[in-house]
Structure formats: C-alpha cells, structure tokens
C-alpha cells in the first residue's frame, strides 16, 4: 500500500513538473493535476509538489523557486 502511494505521488510530481509554469496560479495547477489524477486530493498534490521541488533542485535550480512557491501556495490553500 505504501509503495503504491509513493508511486502515485511520484507520478503526480512528474505531472506537476510538466505542467507548472512561472506565474501559474496554484488553483490552475491543482485543476490541471486533477484532470490527469482525478482521485488526487489537495493534500496529495501538495505532497507531490514538494517532491517535485526536491527532485528539481538537483537538476534545474532556476525552476525550483517557481515549484517551491506553487508547493507552498498549494499547501496553504489545502489547509483551509
């Protein structure tokens, strides 16, 4: 079960890296991710966004700040 959840999170992280653009609003990203991962909750997407930040920091530091901002905004919006 745990491995399945990790795989799903990794798949969402890949989707987020593919879809995220500078200036993109968190709501737009969440909606776009949900189109590809209909069962995903905001919390799932926030986790995947943080994973994408960790992964991208290693390969593309310039995009890392954009992904970090989206992850933080997504996390903040999922708490309410």
PDB file of N, CA and C in Angstrom:
ATOM      1  N   UNK A   1       0.824  -1.193   0.000  1.00  0.00           N
ATOM      2  CA  UNK A   1       0.000   0.000   0.000  1.00  0.00           C
ATOM      3  C   UNK A   1       0.868   1.257   0.000  1.00  0.00           C
ATOM      4  N   UNK A   2       1.891   1.232   0.839  1.00  0.00           N
ATOM      5  CA  UNK A   2       2.777   2.377   0.946  1.00  0.00           C
ATOM      6  C   UNK A   2       3.519   2.633  -0.365  1.00  0.00           C
ATOM      7  N   UNK A   3       3.970   1.558  -1.011  1.00  0.00           N
ATOM      8  CA  UNK A   3       4.685   1.677  -2.286  1.00  0.00           C
ATOM      9  C   UNK A   3       3.772   2.239  -3.367  1.00  0.00           C
ATOM     10  N   UNK A   4       2.505   1.825  -3.351  1.00  0.00           N
ATOM     11  CA  UNK A   4       1.538   2.326  -4.332  1.00  0.00           C
ATOM     12  C   UNK A   4       1.347   3.832  -4.154  1.00  0.00           C
ATOM     13  N   UNK A   5       1.225   4.277  -2.917  1.00  0.00           N
ATOM     14  CA  UNK A   5       1.045   5.710  -2.627  1.00  0.00           C
ATOM     15  C   UNK A   5       2.276   6.494  -3.071  1.00  0.00           C
ATOM     16  N   UNK A   6       3.451   5.947  -2.833  1.00  0.00           N
ATOM     17  CA  UNK A   6       4.683   6.612  -3.255  1.00  0.00           C
ATOM     18  C   UNK A   6       4.740   6.725  -4.778  1.00  0.00           C
ATOM     19  N   UNK A   7       4.367   5.654  -5.466  1.00  0.00           N
ATOM     20  CA  UNK A   7       4.336   5.684  -6.935  1.00  0.00           C
ATOM     21  C   UNK A   7       3.368   6.749  -7.442  1.00  0.00           C
ATOM     22  N   UNK A   8       2.194   6.829  -6.819  1.00  0.00           N
ATOM     23  CA  UNK A   8       1.200   7.830  -7.210  1.00  0.00           C
ATOM     24  C   UNK A   8       1.736   9.243  -6.980  1.00  0.00           C
ATOM     25  N   UNK A   9       2.423   9.445  -5.863  1.00  0.00           N
ATOM     26  CA  UNK A   9       3.000  10.751  -5.554  1.00  0.00           C
ATOM     27  C   UNK A   9       4.079  11.106  -6.569  1.00  0.00           C
ATOM     28  N   UNK A  10       4.905  10.137  -6.918  1.00  0.00           N
ATOM     29  CA  UNK A  10       5.945  10.383  -7.920  1.00  0.00           C
ATOM     30  C   UNK A  10       5.341  10.717  -9.279  1.00  0.00           C
ATOM     31  N   UNK A  11       4.268  10.018  -9.648  1.00  0.00           N
ATOM     32  CA  UNK A  11       3.596  10.307 -10.916  1.00  0.00           C
ATOM     33  C   UNK A  11       3.022  11.725 -10.909  1.00  0.00           C
ATOM     34  N   UNK A  12       2.414  12.109  -9.795  1.00  0.00           N
ATOM     35  CA  UNK A  12       1.882  13.475  -9.688  1.00  0.00           C
ATOM     36  C   UNK A  12       3.003  14.497  -9.723  1.00  0.00           C
ATOM     37  N   UNK A  13       4.130  14.202  -9.081  1.00  0.00           N
ATOM     38  CA  UNK A  13       5.271  15.120  -9.101  1.00  0.00           C
ATOM     39  C   UNK A  13       5.755  15.325 -10.529  1.00  0.00           C
ATOM     40  N   UNK A  14       5.791  14.256 -11.307  1.00  0.00           N
ATOM     41  CA  UNK A  14       6.173  14.376 -12.719  1.00  0.00           C
ATOM     42  C   UNK A  14       5.179  15.234 -13.481  1.00  0.00           C
ATOM     43  N   UNK A  15       3.894  15.040 -13.209  1.00  0.00           N
ATOM     44  CA  UNK A  15       2.852  15.836 -13.848  1.00  0.00           C
ATOM     45  C   UNK A  15       3.021  17.308 -13.483  1.00  0.00           C
ATOM     46  N   UNK A  16       3.287  17.579 -12.219  1.00  0.00           N
ATOM     47  CA  UNK A  16       3.462  18.963 -11.758  1.00  0.00           C
ATOM     48  C   UNK A  16       4.649  19.608 -12.454  1.00  0.00           C
ATOM     49  N   UNK A  17       5.758  18.904 -12.533  1.00  0.00           N
ATOM     50  CA  UNK A  17       6.934  19.466 -13.217  1.00  0.00           C
ATOM     51  C   UNK A  17       6.624  19.745 -14.684  1.00  0.00           C
ATOM     52  N   UNK A  18       5.821  18.902 -15.280  1.00  0.00           N
ATOM     53  CA  UNK A  18       5.459  19.072 -16.685  1.00  0.00           C
ATOM     54  C   UNK A  18       4.519  20.265 -16.882  1.00  0.00           C
ATOM     55  N   UNK A  19       3.577  20.458 -15.956  1.00  0.00           N
ATOM     56  CA  UNK A  19       2.540  21.474 -16.128  1.00  0.00           C
ATOM     57  C   UNK A  19       2.882  22.840 -15.541  1.00  0.00           C
ATOM     58  N   UNK A  20       3.700  22.877 -14.501  1.00  0.00           N
ATOM     59  CA  UNK A  20       3.965  24.132 -13.795  1.00  0.00           C
ATOM     60  C   UNK A  20       4.696  25.133 -14.684  1.00  0.00           C
ATOM     61  N   UNK A  21       4.216  26.361 -14.640  1.00  0.00           N
ATOM     62  CA  UNK A  21       4.810  27.455 -15.409  1.00  0.00           C
ATOM     63  C   UNK A  21       4.969  28.664 -14.512  1.00  0.00           C
ATOM     64  N   UNK A  22       5.987  29.483 -14.736  1.00  0.00           N
ATOM     65  CA  UNK A  22       6.130  30.703 -13.943  1.00  0.00           C
ATOM     66  C   UNK A  22       4.859  31.546 -14.037  1.00  0.00           C
ATOM     67  N   UNK A  23       4.426  32.055 -12.904  1.00  0.00           N
ATOM     68  CA  UNK A  23       3.240  32.896 -12.860  1.00  0.00           C
ATOM     69  C   UNK A  23       1.931  32.137 -12.792  1.00  0.00           C
ATOM     70  N   UNK A  24       1.997  30.812 -12.829  1.00  0.00           N
ATOM     71  CA  UNK A  24       0.785  29.991 -12.782  1.00  0.00           C
ATOM     72  C   UNK A  24       0.179  30.054 -11.389  1.00  0.00           C
ATOM     73  N   UNK A  25      -1.117  30.219 -11.328  1.00  0.00           N
ATOM     74  CA  UNK A  25      -1.824  30.259 -10.040  1.00  0.00           C
ATOM     75  C   UNK A  25      -1.968  28.832  -9.502  1.00  0.00           C
ATOM     76  N   UNK A  26      -1.854  28.673  -8.188  1.00  0.00           N
ATOM     77  CA  UNK A  26      -1.989  27.338  -7.595  1.00  0.00           C
ATOM     78  C   UNK A  26      -3.294  26.645  -7.975  1.00  0.00           C
ATOM     79  N   UNK A  27      -4.395  27.375  -8.008  1.00  0.00           N
ATOM     80  CA  UNK A  27      -5.691  26.776  -8.363  1.00  0.00           C
ATOM     81  C   UNK A  27      -5.644  26.182  -9.768  1.00  0.00           C
ATOM     82  N   UNK A  28      -5.003  26.887 -10.693  1.00  0.00           N
ATOM     83  CA  UNK A  28      -4.893  26.384 -12.070  1.00  0.00           C
ATOM     84  C   UNK A  28      -4.065  25.107 -12.104  1.00  0.00           C
ATOM     85  N   UNK A  29      -2.988  25.073 -11.318  1.00  0.00           N
ATOM     86  CA  UNK A  29      -2.155  23.871 -11.267  1.00  0.00           C
ATOM     87  C   UNK A  29      -2.921  22.708 -10.647  1.00  0.00           C
ATOM     88  N   UNK A  30      -3.610  22.970  -9.567  1.00  0.00           N
ATOM     89  CA  UNK A  30      -4.390  21.919  -8.912  1.00  0.00           C
ATOM     90  C   UNK A  30      -5.417  21.348  -9.882  1.00  0.00           C
ATOM     91  N   UNK A  31      -6.129  22.228 -10.571  1.00  0.00           N
ATOM     92  CA  UNK A  31      -7.138  21.775 -11.531  1.00  0.00           C
ATOM     93  C   UNK A  31      -6.516  20.938 -12.649  1.00  0.00           C
ATOM     94  N   UNK A  32      -5.360  21.381 -13.144  1.00  0.00           N
ATOM     95  CA  UNK A  32      -4.683  20.656 -14.228  1.00  0.00           C
ATOM     96  C   UNK A  32      -4.212  19.281 -13.750  1.00  0.00           C
ATOM     97  N   UNK A  33      -3.689  19.221 -12.532  1.00  0.00           N
ATOM     98  CA  UNK A  33      -3.231  17.940 -11.983  1.00  0.00           C
ATOM     99  C   UNK A  33      -4.424  17.012 -11.759  1.00  0.00           C
ATOM    100  N   UNK A  34      -5.527  17.562 -11.263  1.00  0.00           N
ATOM    101  CA  UNK A  34      -6.714  16.741 -11.023  1.00  0.00           C
ATOM    102  C   UNK A  34      -7.298  16.175 -12.311  1.00  0.00           C
ATOM    103  N   UNK A  35      -7.106  16.863 -13.427  1.00  0.00           N
ATOM    104  CA  UNK A  35      -7.569  16.333 -14.705  1.00  0.00           C
ATOM    105  C   UNK A  35      -6.845  15.029 -15.038  1.00  0.00           C
ATOM    106  N   UNK A  36      -5.549  14.979 -14.719  1.00  0.00           N
ATOM    107  CA  UNK A  36      -4.758  13.773 -15.007  1.00  0.00           C
ATOM    108  C   UNK A  36      -4.812  12.749 -13.882  1.00  0.00           C
ATOM    109  N   UNK A  37      -5.095  13.228 -12.674  1.00  0.00           N
ATOM    110  CA  UNK A  37      -5.147  12.355 -11.490  1.00  0.00           C
ATOM    111  C   UNK A  37      -6.445  12.662 -10.737  1.00  0.00           C
ATOM    112  N   UNK A  38      -7.573  12.192 -11.263  1.00  0.00           N
ATOM    113  CA  UNK A  38      -8.888  12.565 -10.717  1.00  0.00           C
ATOM    114  C   UNK A  38      -9.092  12.241  -9.235  1.00  0.00           C
ATOM    115  N   UNK A  39      -8.436  11.235  -8.734  1.00  0.00           N
ATOM    116  CA  UNK A  39      -8.613  10.858  -7.333  1.00  0.00           C
ATOM    117  C   UNK A  39      -7.742  11.636  -6.364  1.00  0.00           C
ATOM    118  N   UNK A  40      -6.911  12.526  -6.861  1.00  0.00           N
ATOM    119  CA  UNK A  40      -5.958  13.246  -6.016  1.00  0.00           C
ATOM    120  C   UNK A  40      -6.659  14.316  -5.175  1.00  0.00           C
ATOM    121  N   UNK A  41      -6.245  14.392  -3.919  1.00  0.00           N
ATOM    122  CA  UNK A  41      -6.727  15.457  -3.040  1.00  0.00           C
ATOM    123  C   UNK A  41      -5.726  16.612  -3.092  1.00  0.00           C
ATOM    124  N   UNK A  42      -6.118  17.754  -2.537  1.00  0.00           N
ATOM    125  CA  UNK A  42      -5.183  18.883  -2.468  1.00  0.00           C
ATOM    126  C   UNK A  42      -3.951  18.506  -1.651  1.00  0.00           C
ATOM    127  N   UNK A  43      -4.160  17.720  -0.606  1.00  0.00           N
ATOM    128  CA  UNK A  43      -3.042  17.283   0.231  1.00  0.00           C
ATOM    129  C   UNK A  43      -2.086  16.402  -0.571  1.00  0.00           C
ATOM    130  N   UNK A  44      -2.625  15.492  -1.389  1.00  0.00           N
ATOM    131  CA  UNK A  44      -1.796  14.643  -2.248  1.00  0.00           C
ATOM    132  C   UNK A  44      -0.984  15.501  -3.217  1.00  0.00           C
ATOM    133  N   UNK A  45      -1.642  16.512  -3.791  1.00  0.00           N
ATOM    134  CA  UNK A  45      -0.973  17.379  -4.752  1.00  0.00           C
ATOM    135  C   UNK A  45       0.103  18.209  -4.068  1.00  0.00           C
ATOM    136  N   UNK A  46      -0.169  18.679  -2.857  1.00  0.00           N
ATOM    137  CA  UNK A  46       0.837  19.442  -2.109  1.00  0.00           C
ATOM    138  C   UNK A  46       2.073  18.579  -1.833  1.00  0.00           C
ATOM    139  N   UNK A  47       1.858  17.329  -1.434  1.00  0.00           N
ATOM    140  CA  UNK A  47       2.991  16.414  -1.200  1.00  0.00           C
ATOM    141  C   UNK A  47       3.797  16.221  -2.478  1.00  0.00           C
ATOM    142  N   UNK A  48       3.090  16.012  -3.574  1.00  0.00           N
ATOM    143  CA  UNK A  48       3.762  15.813  -4.855  1.00  0.00           C
ATOM    144  C   UNK A  48       4.498  17.075  -5.285  1.00  0.00           C
ATOM    145  N   UNK A  49       3.932  18.231  -4.990  1.00  0.00           N
ATOM    146  CA  UNK A  49       4.599  19.494  -5.339  1.00  0.00           C
ATOM    147  C   UNK A  49       5.906  19.635  -4.569  1.00  0.00           C
ATOM    148  N   UNK A  50       5.896  19.283  -3.284  1.00  0.00           N
ATOM    149  CA  UNK A  50       7.143  19.341  -2.521  1.00  0.00           C
ATOM    150  C   UNK A  50       8.158  18.328  -3.038  1.00  0.00           C
ATOM    151  N   UNK A  51       7.703  17.149  -3.420  1.00  0.00           N
ATOM    152  CA  UNK A  51       8.608  16.161  -4.005  1.00  0.00           C
ATOM    153  C   UNK A  51       9.214  16.699  -5.296  1.00  0.00           C
ATOM    154  N   UNK A  52       8.413  17.359  -6.109  1.00  0.00           N
ATOM    155  CA  UNK A  52       8.936  17.913  -7.360  1.00  0.00           C
ATOM    156  C   UNK A  52       9.981  18.993  -7.093  1.00  0.00           C
ATOM    157  N   UNK A  53       9.810  19.749  -6.005  1.00  0.00           N
ATOM    158  CA  UNK A  53      10.812  20.756  -5.625  1.00  0.00           C
ATOM    159  C   UNK A  53      12.126  20.072  -5.281  1.00  0.00           C
ATOM    160  N   UNK A  54      12.045  19.023  -4.482  1.00  0.00           N
ATOM    161  CA  UNK A  54      13.245  18.299  -4.068  1.00  0.00           C
ATOM    162  C   UNK A  54      13.972  17.731  -5.281  1.00  0.00           C
ATOM    163  N   UNK A  55      13.214  17.106  -6.171  1.00  0.00           N
ATOM    164  CA  UNK A  55      13.818  16.497  -7.355  1.00  0.00           C
ATOM    165  C   UNK A  55      14.394  17.555  -8.287  1.00  0.00           C
ATOM    166  N   UNK A  56      13.653  18.620  -8.524  1.00  0.00           N
ATOM    167  CA  UNK A  56      14.106  19.639  -9.481  1.00  0.00           C
ATOM    168  C   UNK A  56      15.301  20.432  -8.965  1.00  0.00           C
ATOM    169  N   UNK A  57      15.437  20.558  -7.646  1.00  0.00           N
ATOM    170  CA  UNK A  57      16.558  21.316  -7.086  1.00  0.00           C
ATOM    171  C   UNK A  57      17.891  20.730  -7.543  1.00  0.00           C
ATOM    172  N   UNK A  58      17.886  19.440  -7.747  1.00  0.00           N
ATOM    173  CA  UNK A  58      19.097  18.754  -8.167  1.00  0.00           C
ATOM    174  C   UNK A  58      19.428  19.023  -9.638  1.00  0.00           C
ATOM    175  N   UNK A  59      18.387  19.179 -10.457  1.00  0.00           N
ATOM    176  CA  UNK A  59      18.598  19.254 -11.901  1.00  0.00           C
ATOM    177  C   UNK A  59      18.363  20.628 -12.512  1.00  0.00           C
ATOM    178  N   UNK A  60      17.445  21.403 -11.954  1.00  0.00           N
ATOM    179  CA  UNK A  60      17.083  22.682 -12.556  1.00  0.00           C
ATOM    180  C   UNK A  60      16.802  23.713 -11.472  1.00  0.00           C
ATOM    181  N   UNK A  61      17.853  24.270 -10.873  1.00  0.00           N
ATOM    182  CA  UNK A  61      17.675  25.197  -9.756  1.00  0.00           C
ATOM    183  C   UNK A  61      16.806  26.414 -10.092  1.00  0.00           C
ATOM    184  N   UNK A  62      16.797  26.835 -11.344  1.00  0.00           N
ATOM    185  CA  UNK A  62      16.013  28.004 -11.721  1.00  0.00           C
ATOM    186  C   UNK A  62      14.509  27.740 -11.562  1.00  0.00           C
ATOM    187  N   UNK A  63      14.065  26.561 -11.930  1.00  0.00           N
ATOM    188  CA  UNK A  63      12.645  26.217 -11.795  1.00  0.00           C
ATOM    189  C   UNK A  63      12.265  25.883 -10.360  1.00  0.00           C
ATOM    190  N   UNK A  64      13.233  25.625  -9.523  1.00  0.00           N
ATOM    191  CA  UNK A  64      12.956  25.208  -8.157  1.00  0.00           C
ATOM    192  C   UNK A  64      12.162  26.259  -7.400  1.00  0.00           C
ATOM    193  N   UNK A  65      12.506  27.523  -7.542  1.00  0.00           N
ATOM    194  CA  UNK A  65      11.783  28.572  -6.819  1.00  0.00           C
ATOM    195  C   UNK A  65      10.328  28.631  -7.249  1.00  0.00           C
ATOM    196  N   UNK A  66      10.067  28.510  -8.531  1.00  0.00           N
ATOM    197  CA  UNK A  66       8.686  28.513  -9.023  1.00  0.00           C
ATOM    198  C   UNK A  66       7.911  27.344  -8.440  1.00  0.00           C
ATOM    199  N   UNK A  67       8.507  26.155  -8.479  1.00  0.00           N
ATOM    200  CA  UNK A  67       7.846  24.973  -7.924  1.00  0.00           C
ATOM    201  C   UNK A  67       7.652  25.106  -6.417  1.00  0.00           C
ATOM    202  N   UNK A  68       8.634  25.670  -5.731  1.00  0.00           N
ATOM    203  CA  UNK A  68       8.517  25.866  -4.287  1.00  0.00           C
ATOM    204  C   UNK A  68       7.350  26.794  -3.975  1.00  0.00           C
ATOM    205  N   UNK A  69       7.250  27.894  -4.699  1.00  0.00           N
ATOM    206  CA  UNK A  69       6.153  28.835  -4.480  1.00  0.00           C
ATOM    207  C   UNK A  69       4.800  28.153  -4.700  1.00  0.00           C
ATOM    208  N   UNK A  70       4.711  27.364  -5.759  1.00  0.00           N
ATOM    209  CA  UNK A  70       3.464  26.643  -6.025  1.00  0.00           C
ATOM    210  C   UNK A  70       3.168  25.627  -4.927  1.00  0.00           C
ATOM    211  N   UNK A  71       4.197  24.931  -4.470  1.00  0.00           N
ATOM    212  CA  UNK A  71       4.002  23.944  -3.400  1.00  0.00           C
ATOM    213  C   UNK A  71       3.510  24.628  -2.131  1.00  0.00           C
ATOM    214  N   UNK A  72       4.113  25.745  -1.780  1.00  0.00           N
ATOM    215  CA  UNK A  72       3.700  26.471  -0.574  1.00  0.00           C
ATOM    216  C   UNK A  72       2.278  26.993  -0.711  1.00  0.00           C
ATOM    217  N   UNK A  73       1.959  27.584  -1.844  1.00  0.00           N
ATOM    218  CA  UNK A  73       0.613  28.107  -2.059  1.00  0.00           C
ATOM    219  C   UNK A  73      -0.416  26.987  -2.055  1.00  0.00           C
ATOM    220  N   UNK A  74      -0.065  25.854  -2.652  1.00  0.00           N
ATOM    221  CA  UNK A  74      -0.966  24.712  -2.683  1.00  0.00           C
ATOM    222  C   UNK A  74      -1.183  24.181  -1.279  1.00  0.00           C
ATOM    223  N   UNK A  75      -0.111  24.084  -0.527  1.00  0.00           N
ATOM    224  CA  UNK A  75      -0.215  23.605   0.853  1.00  0.00           C
ATOM    225  C   UNK A  75      -1.089  24.546   1.666  1.00  0.00           C
ATOM    226  N   UNK A  76      -0.855  25.847   1.530  1.00  0.00           N
ATOM    227  CA  UNK A  76      -1.630  26.830   2.289  1.00  0.00           C
ATOM    228  C   UNK A  76      -3.100  26.774   1.923  1.00  0.00           C
ATOM    229  N   UNK A  77      -3.402  26.602   0.640  1.00  0.00           N
ATOM    230  CA  UNK A  77      -4.805  26.555   0.219  1.00  0.00           C
ATOM    231  C   UNK A  77      -5.463  25.242   0.623  1.00  0.00           C
ATOM    232  N   UNK A  78      -4.687  24.187   0.821  1.00  0.00           N
ATOM    233  CA  UNK A  78      -5.274  22.904   1.211  1.00  0.00           C
ATOM    234  C   UNK A  78      -5.550  22.851   2.702  1.00  0.00           C
ATOM    235  N   UNK A  79      -4.955  23.756   3.466  1.00  0.00           N
ATOM    236  CA  UNK A  79      -5.175  23.768   4.907  1.00  0.00           C
ATOM    237  C   UNK A  79      -6.496  24.426   5.275  1.00  0.00           C
ATOM    238  N   UNK A  80      -7.047  25.228   4.378  1.00  0.00           N
ATOM    239  CA  UNK A  80      -8.294  25.908   4.711  1.00  0.00           C
ATOM    240  C   UNK A  80      -9.517  25.127   4.311  1.00  0.00           C
TER     241      UNK A  80
END
